[in-house]
């Protein structure tokens, strides 16, 4: 298992290119945090993670994402999913 490095969201934003290069070249993993709480995991994509997916699998995945966004929007009284999530995180 790879050692996961922690990086704050501000540092990630400032050093995104460098960090993503380390992910690609060194297969490093990063846990992005906000106020000390993990919010995202940046991990390298294995050879079959994307290329191995067929067009049908990608289409199904995108349809699930759109359905989820619509549910979030509906639950937020019609606000966009991004606005609803942003408001919830504050």
PDB file of N, CA and C in Angstrom:
ATOM      1  N   UNK A   1       0.839  -1.176   0.000  1.00  0.00           N
ATOM      2  CA  UNK A   1       0.000   0.000   0.000  1.00  0.00           C
ATOM      3  C   UNK A   1       0.890   1.248   0.000  1.00  0.00           C
ATOM      4  N   UNK A   2       0.510   2.225  -0.784  1.00  0.00           N
ATOM      5  CA  UNK A   2       1.256   3.481  -0.855  1.00  0.00           C
ATOM      6  C   UNK A   2       1.017   4.305   0.403  1.00  0.00           C
ATOM      7  N   UNK A   3       2.045   5.047   0.769  1.00  0.00           N
ATOM      8  CA  UNK A   3       1.884   5.985   1.881  1.00  0.00           C
ATOM      9  C   UNK A   3       1.121   7.198   1.375  1.00  0.00           C
ATOM     10  N   UNK A   4       0.081   7.568   2.073  1.00  0.00           N
ATOM     11  CA  UNK A   4      -0.723   8.728   1.688  1.00  0.00           C
ATOM     12  C   UNK A   4      -0.190   9.971   2.370  1.00  0.00           C
ATOM     13  N   UNK A   5       0.036  10.982   1.584  1.00  0.00           N
ATOM     14  CA  UNK A   5       0.501  12.263   2.104  1.00  0.00           C
ATOM     15  C   UNK A   5      -0.700  13.178   2.263  1.00  0.00           C
ATOM     16  N   UNK A   6      -0.681  13.994   3.300  1.00  0.00           N
ATOM     17  CA  UNK A   6      -1.763  14.954   3.505  1.00  0.00           C
ATOM     18  C   UNK A   6      -1.348  16.307   2.932  1.00  0.00           C
ATOM     19  N   UNK A   7      -2.313  16.990   2.329  1.00  0.00           N
ATOM     20  CA  UNK A   7      -2.075  18.325   1.807  1.00  0.00           C
ATOM     21  C   UNK A   7      -3.346  19.140   2.013  1.00  0.00           C
ATOM     22  N   UNK A   8      -3.172  20.341   2.564  1.00  0.00           N
ATOM     23  CA  UNK A   8      -4.315  21.234   2.753  1.00  0.00           C
ATOM     24  C   UNK A   8      -4.808  21.746   1.413  1.00  0.00           C
ATOM     25  N   UNK A   9      -6.069  22.102   1.345  1.00  0.00           N
ATOM     26  CA  UNK A   9      -6.683  22.522   0.092  1.00  0.00           C
ATOM     27  C   UNK A   9      -5.982  23.762  -0.482  1.00  0.00           C
ATOM     28  N   UNK A  10      -5.573  24.679   0.369  1.00  0.00           N
ATOM     29  CA  UNK A  10      -4.871  25.877  -0.130  1.00  0.00           C
ATOM     30  C   UNK A  10      -3.530  25.514  -0.740  1.00  0.00           C
ATOM     31  N   UNK A  11      -2.784  24.642  -0.072  1.00  0.00           N
ATOM     32  CA  UNK A  11      -1.495  24.223  -0.623  1.00  0.00           C
ATOM     33  C   UNK A  11      -1.704  23.425  -1.904  1.00  0.00           C
ATOM     34  N   UNK A  12      -2.746  22.568  -1.912  1.00  0.00           N
ATOM     35  CA  UNK A  12      -3.025  21.810  -3.126  1.00  0.00           C
ATOM     36  C   UNK A  12      -3.293  22.750  -4.298  1.00  0.00           C
ATOM     37  N   UNK A  13      -4.083  23.776  -4.055  1.00  0.00           N
ATOM     38  CA  UNK A  13      -4.404  24.735  -5.104  1.00  0.00           C
ATOM     39  C   UNK A  13      -3.133  25.419  -5.611  1.00  0.00           C
ATOM     40  N   UNK A  14      -2.259  25.817  -4.697  1.00  0.00           N
ATOM     41  CA  UNK A  14      -1.040  26.528  -5.079  1.00  0.00           C
ATOM     42  C   UNK A  14      -0.032  25.627  -5.788  1.00  0.00           C
ATOM     43  N   UNK A  15      -0.026  24.334  -5.446  1.00  0.00           N
ATOM     44  CA  UNK A  15       0.984  23.421  -5.973  1.00  0.00           C
ATOM     45  C   UNK A  15       0.372  22.273  -6.784  1.00  0.00           C
ATOM     46  N   UNK A  16      -0.793  22.489  -7.358  1.00  0.00           N
ATOM     47  CA  UNK A  16      -1.510  21.402  -8.036  1.00  0.00           C
ATOM     48  C   UNK A  16      -0.676  20.726  -9.122  1.00  0.00           C
ATOM     49  N   UNK A  17      -0.003  21.500  -9.954  1.00  0.00           N
ATOM     50  CA  UNK A  17       0.777  20.907 -11.038  1.00  0.00           C
ATOM     51  C   UNK A  17       1.871  20.005 -10.493  1.00  0.00           C
ATOM     52  N   UNK A  18       2.584  20.480  -9.486  1.00  0.00           N
ATOM     53  CA  UNK A  18       3.664  19.699  -8.878  1.00  0.00           C
ATOM     54  C   UNK A  18       3.115  18.419  -8.236  1.00  0.00           C
ATOM     55  N   UNK A  19       2.030  18.558  -7.489  1.00  0.00           N
ATOM     56  CA  UNK A  19       1.447  17.408  -6.798  1.00  0.00           C
ATOM     57  C   UNK A  19       0.937  16.377  -7.797  1.00  0.00           C
ATOM     58  N   UNK A  20       0.249  16.836  -8.845  1.00  0.00           N
ATOM     59  CA  UNK A  20      -0.269  15.891  -9.837  1.00  0.00           C
ATOM     60  C   UNK A  20       0.862  15.206 -10.606  1.00  0.00           C
ATOM     61  N   UNK A  21       1.969  15.896 -10.801  1.00  0.00           N
ATOM     62  CA  UNK A  21       3.137  15.263 -11.424  1.00  0.00           C
ATOM     63  C   UNK A  21       3.670  14.148 -10.541  1.00  0.00           C
ATOM     64  N   UNK A  22       3.706  14.385  -9.224  1.00  0.00           N
ATOM     65  CA  UNK A  22       4.162  13.348  -8.299  1.00  0.00           C
ATOM     66  C   UNK A  22       3.213  12.160  -8.305  1.00  0.00           C
ATOM     67  N   UNK A  23       1.927  12.431  -8.421  1.00  0.00           N
ATOM     68  CA  UNK A  23       0.947  11.346  -8.481  1.00  0.00           C
ATOM     69  C   UNK A  23       1.190  10.497  -9.726  1.00  0.00           C
ATOM     70  N   UNK A  24       1.386  11.177 -10.861  1.00  0.00           N
ATOM     71  CA  UNK A  24       1.596  10.456 -12.117  1.00  0.00           C
ATOM     72  C   UNK A  24       2.940   9.743 -12.142  1.00  0.00           C
ATOM     73  N   UNK A  25       4.014  10.450 -11.829  1.00  0.00           N
ATOM     74  CA  UNK A  25       5.354   9.900 -11.999  1.00  0.00           C
ATOM     75  C   UNK A  25       5.782   8.964 -10.874  1.00  0.00           C
ATOM     76  N   UNK A  26       5.465   9.323  -9.629  1.00  0.00           N
ATOM     77  CA  UNK A  26       5.905   8.535  -8.474  1.00  0.00           C
ATOM     78  C   UNK A  26       4.802   7.658  -7.898  1.00  0.00           C
ATOM     79  N   UNK A  27       3.612   7.718  -8.502  1.00  0.00           N
ATOM     80  CA  UNK A  27       2.441   7.000  -8.010  1.00  0.00           C
ATOM     81  C   UNK A  27       2.139   7.361  -6.552  1.00  0.00           C
ATOM     82  N   UNK A  28       2.364   8.631  -6.216  1.00  0.00           N
ATOM     83  CA  UNK A  28       2.068   9.119  -4.865  1.00  0.00           C
ATOM     84  C   UNK A  28       0.562   9.274  -4.694  1.00  0.00           C
ATOM     85  N   UNK A  29       0.100   9.182  -3.459  1.00  0.00           N
ATOM     86  CA  UNK A  29      -1.300   9.428  -3.136  1.00  0.00           C
ATOM     87  C   UNK A  29      -1.364  10.592  -2.159  1.00  0.00           C
ATOM     88  N   UNK A  30      -2.367  11.426  -2.332  1.00  0.00           N
ATOM     89  CA  UNK A  30      -2.556  12.585  -1.459  1.00  0.00           C
ATOM     90  C   UNK A  30      -3.971  12.599  -0.924  1.00  0.00           C
ATOM     91  N   UNK A  31      -4.091  12.895   0.356  1.00  0.00           N
ATOM     92  CA  UNK A  31      -5.390  13.165   0.969  1.00  0.00           C
ATOM     93  C   UNK A  31      -5.472  14.674   1.082  1.00  0.00           C
ATOM     94  N   UNK A  32      -6.453  15.274   0.411  1.00  0.00           N
ATOM     95  CA  UNK A  32      -6.653  16.713   0.469  1.00  0.00           C
ATOM     96  C   UNK A  32      -7.554  17.000   1.658  1.00  0.00           C
ATOM     97  N   UNK A  33      -7.128  17.959   2.481  1.00  0.00           N
ATOM     98  CA  UNK A  33      -7.887  18.271   3.692  1.00  0.00           C
ATOM     99  C   UNK A  33      -8.347  19.721   3.689  1.00  0.00           C
ATOM    100  N   UNK A  34      -9.433  19.959   4.393  1.00  0.00           N
ATOM    101  CA  UNK A  34      -9.922  21.308   4.659  1.00  0.00           C
ATOM    102  C   UNK A  34     -10.153  21.378   6.166  1.00  0.00           C
ATOM    103  N   UNK A  35      -9.458  22.304   6.806  1.00  0.00           N
ATOM    104  CA  UNK A  35      -9.533  22.448   8.266  1.00  0.00           C
ATOM    105  C   UNK A  35      -9.222  21.128   8.969  1.00  0.00           C
ATOM    106  N   UNK A  36      -8.264  20.400   8.417  1.00  0.00           N
ATOM    107  CA  UNK A  36      -7.826  19.143   9.019  1.00  0.00           C
ATOM    108  C   UNK A  36      -8.683  17.935   8.707  1.00  0.00           C
ATOM    109  N   UNK A  37      -9.820  18.130   8.038  1.00  0.00           N
ATOM    110  CA  UNK A  37     -10.720  17.022   7.704  1.00  0.00           C
ATOM    111  C   UNK A  37     -10.508  16.591   6.260  1.00  0.00           C
ATOM    112  N   UNK A  38     -10.367  15.301   6.006  1.00  0.00           N
ATOM    113  CA  UNK A  38     -10.175  14.832   4.631  1.00  0.00           C
ATOM    114  C   UNK A  38     -11.404  15.118   3.768  1.00  0.00           C
ATOM    115  N   UNK A  39     -11.156  15.630   2.547  1.00  0.00           N
ATOM    116  CA  UNK A  39     -12.264  15.908   1.627  1.00  0.00           C
ATOM    117  C   UNK A  39     -12.096  15.232   0.272  1.00  0.00           C
ATOM    118  N   UNK A  40     -10.870  14.801  -0.043  1.00  0.00           N
ATOM    119  CA  UNK A  40     -10.648  14.163  -1.345  1.00  0.00           C
ATOM    120  C   UNK A  40      -9.406  13.298  -1.276  1.00  0.00           C
ATOM    121  N   UNK A  41      -9.368  12.308  -2.148  1.00  0.00           N
ATOM    122  CA  UNK A  41      -8.197  11.453  -2.293  1.00  0.00           C
ATOM    123  C   UNK A  41      -7.719  11.567  -3.727  1.00  0.00           C
ATOM    124  N   UNK A  42      -6.464  11.962  -3.906  1.00  0.00           N
ATOM    125  CA  UNK A  42      -5.851  12.029  -5.231  1.00  0.00           C
ATOM    126  C   UNK A  42      -4.973  10.796  -5.347  1.00  0.00           C
ATOM    127  N   UNK A  43      -5.275   9.956  -6.302  1.00  0.00           N
ATOM    128  CA  UNK A  43      -4.563   8.694  -6.463  1.00  0.00           C
ATOM    129  C   UNK A  43      -4.303   8.443  -7.939  1.00  0.00           C
ATOM    130  N   UNK A  44      -3.207   7.771  -8.276  1.00  0.00           N
ATOM    131  CA  UNK A  44      -2.938   7.515  -9.691  1.00  0.00           C
ATOM    132  C   UNK A  44      -3.966   6.559 -10.285  1.00  0.00           C
ATOM    133  N   UNK A  45      -4.227   6.739 -11.545  1.00  0.00           N
ATOM    134  CA  UNK A  45      -5.131   5.843 -12.257  1.00  0.00           C
ATOM    135  C   UNK A  45      -4.300   4.696 -12.798  1.00  0.00           C
ATOM    136  N   UNK A  46      -4.726   3.485 -12.492  1.00  0.00           N
ATOM    137  CA  UNK A  46      -4.035   2.314 -13.017  1.00  0.00           C
ATOM    138  C   UNK A  46      -4.292   2.173 -14.504  1.00  0.00           C
ATOM    139  N   UNK A  47      -3.508   1.371 -15.155  1.00  0.00           N
ATOM    140  CA  UNK A  47      -3.610   1.209 -16.599  1.00  0.00           C
ATOM    141  C   UNK A  47      -4.997   0.857 -17.088  1.00  0.00           C
ATOM    142  N   UNK A  48      -5.744   0.054 -16.339  1.00  0.00           N
ATOM    143  CA  UNK A  48      -7.056  -0.368 -16.806  1.00  0.00           C
ATOM    144  C   UNK A  48      -8.204   0.439 -16.243  1.00  0.00           C
ATOM    145  N   UNK A  49      -7.914   1.394 -15.356  1.00  0.00           N
ATOM    146  CA  UNK A  49      -8.989   2.125 -14.699  1.00  0.00           C
ATOM    147  C   UNK A  49      -9.853   2.914 -15.664  1.00  0.00           C
ATOM    148  N   UNK A  50      -9.250   3.530 -16.670  1.00  0.00           N
ATOM    149  CA  UNK A  50     -10.022   4.339 -17.608  1.00  0.00           C
ATOM    150  C   UNK A  50     -10.038   3.682 -18.976  1.00  0.00           C
ATOM    151  N   UNK A  51      -8.863   3.318 -19.464  1.00  0.00           N
ATOM    152  CA  UNK A  51      -8.792   2.757 -20.809  1.00  0.00           C
ATOM    153  C   UNK A  51      -9.599   1.467 -20.948  1.00  0.00           C
ATOM    154  N   UNK A  52      -9.700   0.714 -19.839  1.00  0.00           N
ATOM    155  CA  UNK A  52     -10.401  -0.558 -19.883  1.00  0.00           C
ATOM    156  C   UNK A  52     -11.911  -0.430 -19.906  1.00  0.00           C
ATOM    157  N   UNK A  53     -12.421   0.751 -19.604  1.00  0.00           N
ATOM    158  CA  UNK A  53     -13.871   0.926 -19.599  1.00  0.00           C
ATOM    159  C   UNK A  53     -14.383   1.074 -21.017  1.00  0.00           C
ATOM    160  N   UNK A  54     -15.470   0.394 -21.294  1.00  0.00           N
ATOM    161  CA  UNK A  54     -16.082   0.524 -22.612  1.00  0.00           C
ATOM    162  C   UNK A  54     -16.919   1.793 -22.647  1.00  0.00           C
ATOM    163  N   UNK A  55     -17.301   2.197 -23.832  1.00  0.00           N
ATOM    164  CA  UNK A  55     -18.161   3.368 -23.978  1.00  0.00           C
ATOM    165  C   UNK A  55     -19.454   3.213 -23.198  1.00  0.00           C
ATOM    166  N   UNK A  56     -19.993   1.978 -23.157  1.00  0.00           N
ATOM    167  CA  UNK A  56     -21.227   1.729 -22.417  1.00  0.00           C
ATOM    168  C   UNK A  56     -21.036   1.940 -20.919  1.00  0.00           C
ATOM    169  N   UNK A  57     -19.904   1.464 -20.386  1.00  0.00           N
ATOM    170  CA  UNK A  57     -19.646   1.634 -18.955  1.00  0.00           C
ATOM    171  C   UNK A  57     -19.494   3.109 -18.596  1.00  0.00           C
ATOM    172  N   UNK A  58     -18.808   3.844 -19.443  1.00  0.00           N
ATOM    173  CA  UNK A  58     -18.628   5.275 -19.209  1.00  0.00           C
ATOM    174  C   UNK A  58     -19.976   5.985 -19.279  1.00  0.00           C
ATOM    175  N   UNK A  59     -20.806   5.624 -20.251  1.00  0.00           N
ATOM    176  CA  UNK A  59     -22.137   6.233 -20.380  1.00  0.00           C
ATOM    177  C   UNK A  59     -22.986   5.954 -19.150  1.00  0.00           C
ATOM    178  N   UNK A  60     -22.940   4.734 -18.636  1.00  0.00           N
ATOM    179  CA  UNK A  60     -23.706   4.394 -17.431  1.00  0.00           C
ATOM    180  C   UNK A  60     -23.198   5.184 -16.222  1.00  0.00           C
ATOM    181  N   UNK A  61     -21.884   5.317 -16.109  1.00  0.00           N
ATOM    182  CA  UNK A  61     -21.309   6.083 -15.004  1.00  0.00           C
ATOM    183  C   UNK A  61     -21.744   7.542 -15.080  1.00  0.00           C
ATOM    184  N   UNK A  62     -21.707   8.116 -16.257  1.00  0.00           N
ATOM    185  CA  UNK A  62     -22.109   9.515 -16.423  1.00  0.00           C
ATOM    186  C   UNK A  62     -23.596   9.688 -16.125  1.00  0.00           C
ATOM    187  N   UNK A  63     -24.416   8.721 -16.511  1.00  0.00           N
ATOM    188  CA  UNK A  63     -25.852   8.797 -16.220  1.00  0.00           C
ATOM    189  C   UNK A  63     -26.089   8.777 -14.710  1.00  0.00           C
ATOM    190  N   UNK A  64     -25.331   7.939 -13.971  1.00  0.00           N
ATOM    191  CA  UNK A  64     -25.457   7.902 -12.507  1.00  0.00           C
ATOM    192  C   UNK A  64     -25.064   9.243 -11.897  1.00  0.00           C
ATOM    193  N   UNK A  65     -24.017   9.843 -12.412  1.00  0.00           N
ATOM    194  CA  UNK A  65     -23.577  11.145 -11.896  1.00  0.00           C
ATOM    195  C   UNK A  65     -24.648  12.204 -12.140  1.00  0.00           C
ATOM    196  N   UNK A  66     -25.244  12.207 -13.348  1.00  0.00           N
ATOM    197  CA  UNK A  66     -26.303  13.189 -13.648  1.00  0.00           C
ATOM    198  C   UNK A  66     -27.519  12.979 -12.748  1.00  0.00           C
ATOM    199  N   UNK A  67     -27.902  11.709 -12.506  1.00  0.00           N
ATOM    200  CA  UNK A  67     -29.048  11.434 -11.622  1.00  0.00           C
ATOM    201  C   UNK A  67     -28.768  11.935 -10.200  1.00  0.00           C
ATOM    202  N   UNK A  68     -27.567  11.692  -9.731  1.00  0.00           N
ATOM    203  CA  UNK A  68     -27.204  12.148  -8.394  1.00  0.00           C
ATOM    204  C   UNK A  68     -27.249  13.668  -8.313  1.00  0.00           C
ATOM    205  N   UNK A  69     -26.731  14.352  -9.326  1.00  0.00           N
ATOM    206  CA  UNK A  69     -26.752  15.820  -9.345  1.00  0.00           C
ATOM    207  C   UNK A  69     -28.183  16.335  -9.337  1.00  0.00           C
ATOM    208  N   UNK A  70     -29.078  15.682 -10.088  1.00  0.00           N
ATOM    209  CA  UNK A  70     -30.484  16.108 -10.096  1.00  0.00           C
ATOM    210  C   UNK A  70     -31.122  15.917  -8.724  1.00  0.00           C
ATOM    211  N   UNK A  71     -30.796  14.809  -8.040  1.00  0.00           N
ATOM    212  CA  UNK A  71     -31.362  14.564  -6.704  1.00  0.00           C
ATOM    213  C   UNK A  71     -30.873  15.607  -5.704  1.00  0.00           C
ATOM    214  N   UNK A  72     -29.593  15.929  -5.776  1.00  0.00           N
ATOM    215  CA  UNK A  72     -29.049  16.946  -4.879  1.00  0.00           C
ATOM    216  C   UNK A  72     -29.723  18.280  -5.148  1.00  0.00           C
ATOM    217  N   UNK A  73     -29.887  18.624  -6.414  1.00  0.00           N
ATOM    218  CA  UNK A  73     -30.530  19.882  -6.789  1.00  0.00           C
ATOM    219  C   UNK A  73     -31.969  19.927  -6.288  1.00  0.00           C
ATOM    220  N   UNK A  74     -32.704  18.837  -6.455  1.00  0.00           N
ATOM    221  CA  UNK A  74     -34.092  18.789  -6.000  1.00  0.00           C
ATOM    222  C   UNK A  74     -34.173  18.918  -4.481  1.00  0.00           C
ATOM    223  N   UNK A  75     -33.261  18.257  -3.774  1.00  0.00           N
ATOM    224  CA  UNK A  75     -33.265  18.320  -2.316  1.00  0.00           C
ATOM    225  C   UNK A  75     -32.917  19.720  -1.820  1.00  0.00           C
ATOM    226  N   UNK A  76     -32.215  20.485  -2.637  1.00  0.00           N
ATOM    227  CA  UNK A  76     -31.811  21.845  -2.248  1.00  0.00           C
ATOM    228  C   UNK A  76     -32.802  22.883  -2.746  1.00  0.00           C
ATOM    229  N   UNK A  77     -33.971  22.457  -3.130  1.00  0.00           N
ATOM    230  CA  UNK A  77     -35.001  23.398  -3.564  1.00  0.00           C
ATOM    231  C   UNK A  77     -34.732  24.014  -4.920  1.00  0.00           C
ATOM    232  N   UNK A  78     -34.070  23.275  -5.798  1.00  0.00           N
ATOM    233  CA  UNK A  78     -33.844  23.745  -7.156  1.00  0.00           C
ATOM    234  C   UNK A  78     -32.500  24.404  -7.386  1.00  0.00           C
ATOM    235  N   UNK A  79     -31.710  24.593  -6.336  1.00  0.00           N
ATOM    236  CA  UNK A  79     -30.365  25.156  -6.522  1.00  0.00           C
ATOM    237  C   UNK A  79     -29.525  24.140  -7.279  1.00  0.00           C
ATOM    238  N   UNK A  80     -28.500  24.606  -7.952  1.00  0.00           N
ATOM    239  CA  UNK A  80     -27.632  23.664  -8.659  1.00  0.00           C
ATOM    240  C   UNK A  80     -26.979  22.748  -7.637  1.00  0.00           C
ATOM    241  N   UNK A  81     -26.590  21.555  -8.063  1.00  0.00           N
ATOM    242  CA  UNK A  81     -25.945  20.601  -7.171  1.00  0.00           C
ATOM    243  C   UNK A  81     -24.667  21.207  -6.587  1.00  0.00           C
ATOM    244  N   UNK A  82     -23.890  21.914  -7.407  1.00  0.00           N
ATOM    245  CA  UNK A  82     -22.649  22.501  -6.913  1.00  0.00           C
ATOM    246  C   UNK A  82     -22.934  23.556  -5.848  1.00  0.00           C
ATOM    247  N   UNK A  83     -23.953  24.384  -6.057  1.00  0.00           N
ATOM    248  CA  UNK A  83     -24.298  25.410  -5.076  1.00  0.00           C
ATOM    249  C   UNK A  83     -24.791  24.772  -3.776  1.00  0.00           C
ATOM    250  N   UNK A  84     -25.563  23.715  -3.893  1.00  0.00           N
ATOM    251  CA  UNK A  84     -26.088  23.038  -2.705  1.00  0.00           C
ATOM    252  C   UNK A  84     -24.961  22.430  -1.882  1.00  0.00           C
ATOM    253  N   UNK A  85     -24.016  21.780  -2.536  1.00  0.00           N
ATOM    254  CA  UNK A  85     -22.894  21.172  -1.831  1.00  0.00           C
ATOM    255  C   UNK A  85     -22.021  22.250  -1.200  1.00  0.00           C
ATOM    256  N   UNK A  86     -21.786  23.325  -1.935  1.00  0.00           N
ATOM    257  CA  UNK A  86     -20.987  24.426  -1.420  1.00  0.00           C
ATOM    258  C   UNK A  86     -21.628  25.028  -0.171  1.00  0.00           C
ATOM    259  N   UNK A  87     -22.936  25.233  -0.227  1.00  0.00           N
ATOM    260  CA  UNK A  87     -23.668  25.806   0.898  1.00  0.00           C
ATOM    261  C   UNK A  87     -23.601  24.863   2.109  1.00  0.00           C
ATOM    262  N   UNK A  88     -23.690  23.563   1.860  1.00  0.00           N
ATOM    263  CA  UNK A  88     -23.682  22.589   2.939  1.00  0.00           C
ATOM    264  C   UNK A  88     -22.322  22.552   3.632  1.00  0.00           C
ATOM    265  N   UNK A  89     -21.254  22.771   2.895  1.00  0.00           N
ATOM    266  CA  UNK A  89     -19.915  22.689   3.478  1.00  0.00           C
ATOM    267  C   UNK A  89     -19.572  23.884   4.351  1.00  0.00           C
ATOM    268  N   UNK A  90     -20.303  24.965   4.227  1.00  0.00           N
ATOM    269  CA  UNK A  90     -19.998  26.162   5.024  1.00  0.00           C
ATOM    270  C   UNK A  90     -20.398  26.015   6.438  1.00  0.00           C
TER     271      UNK A  90
END
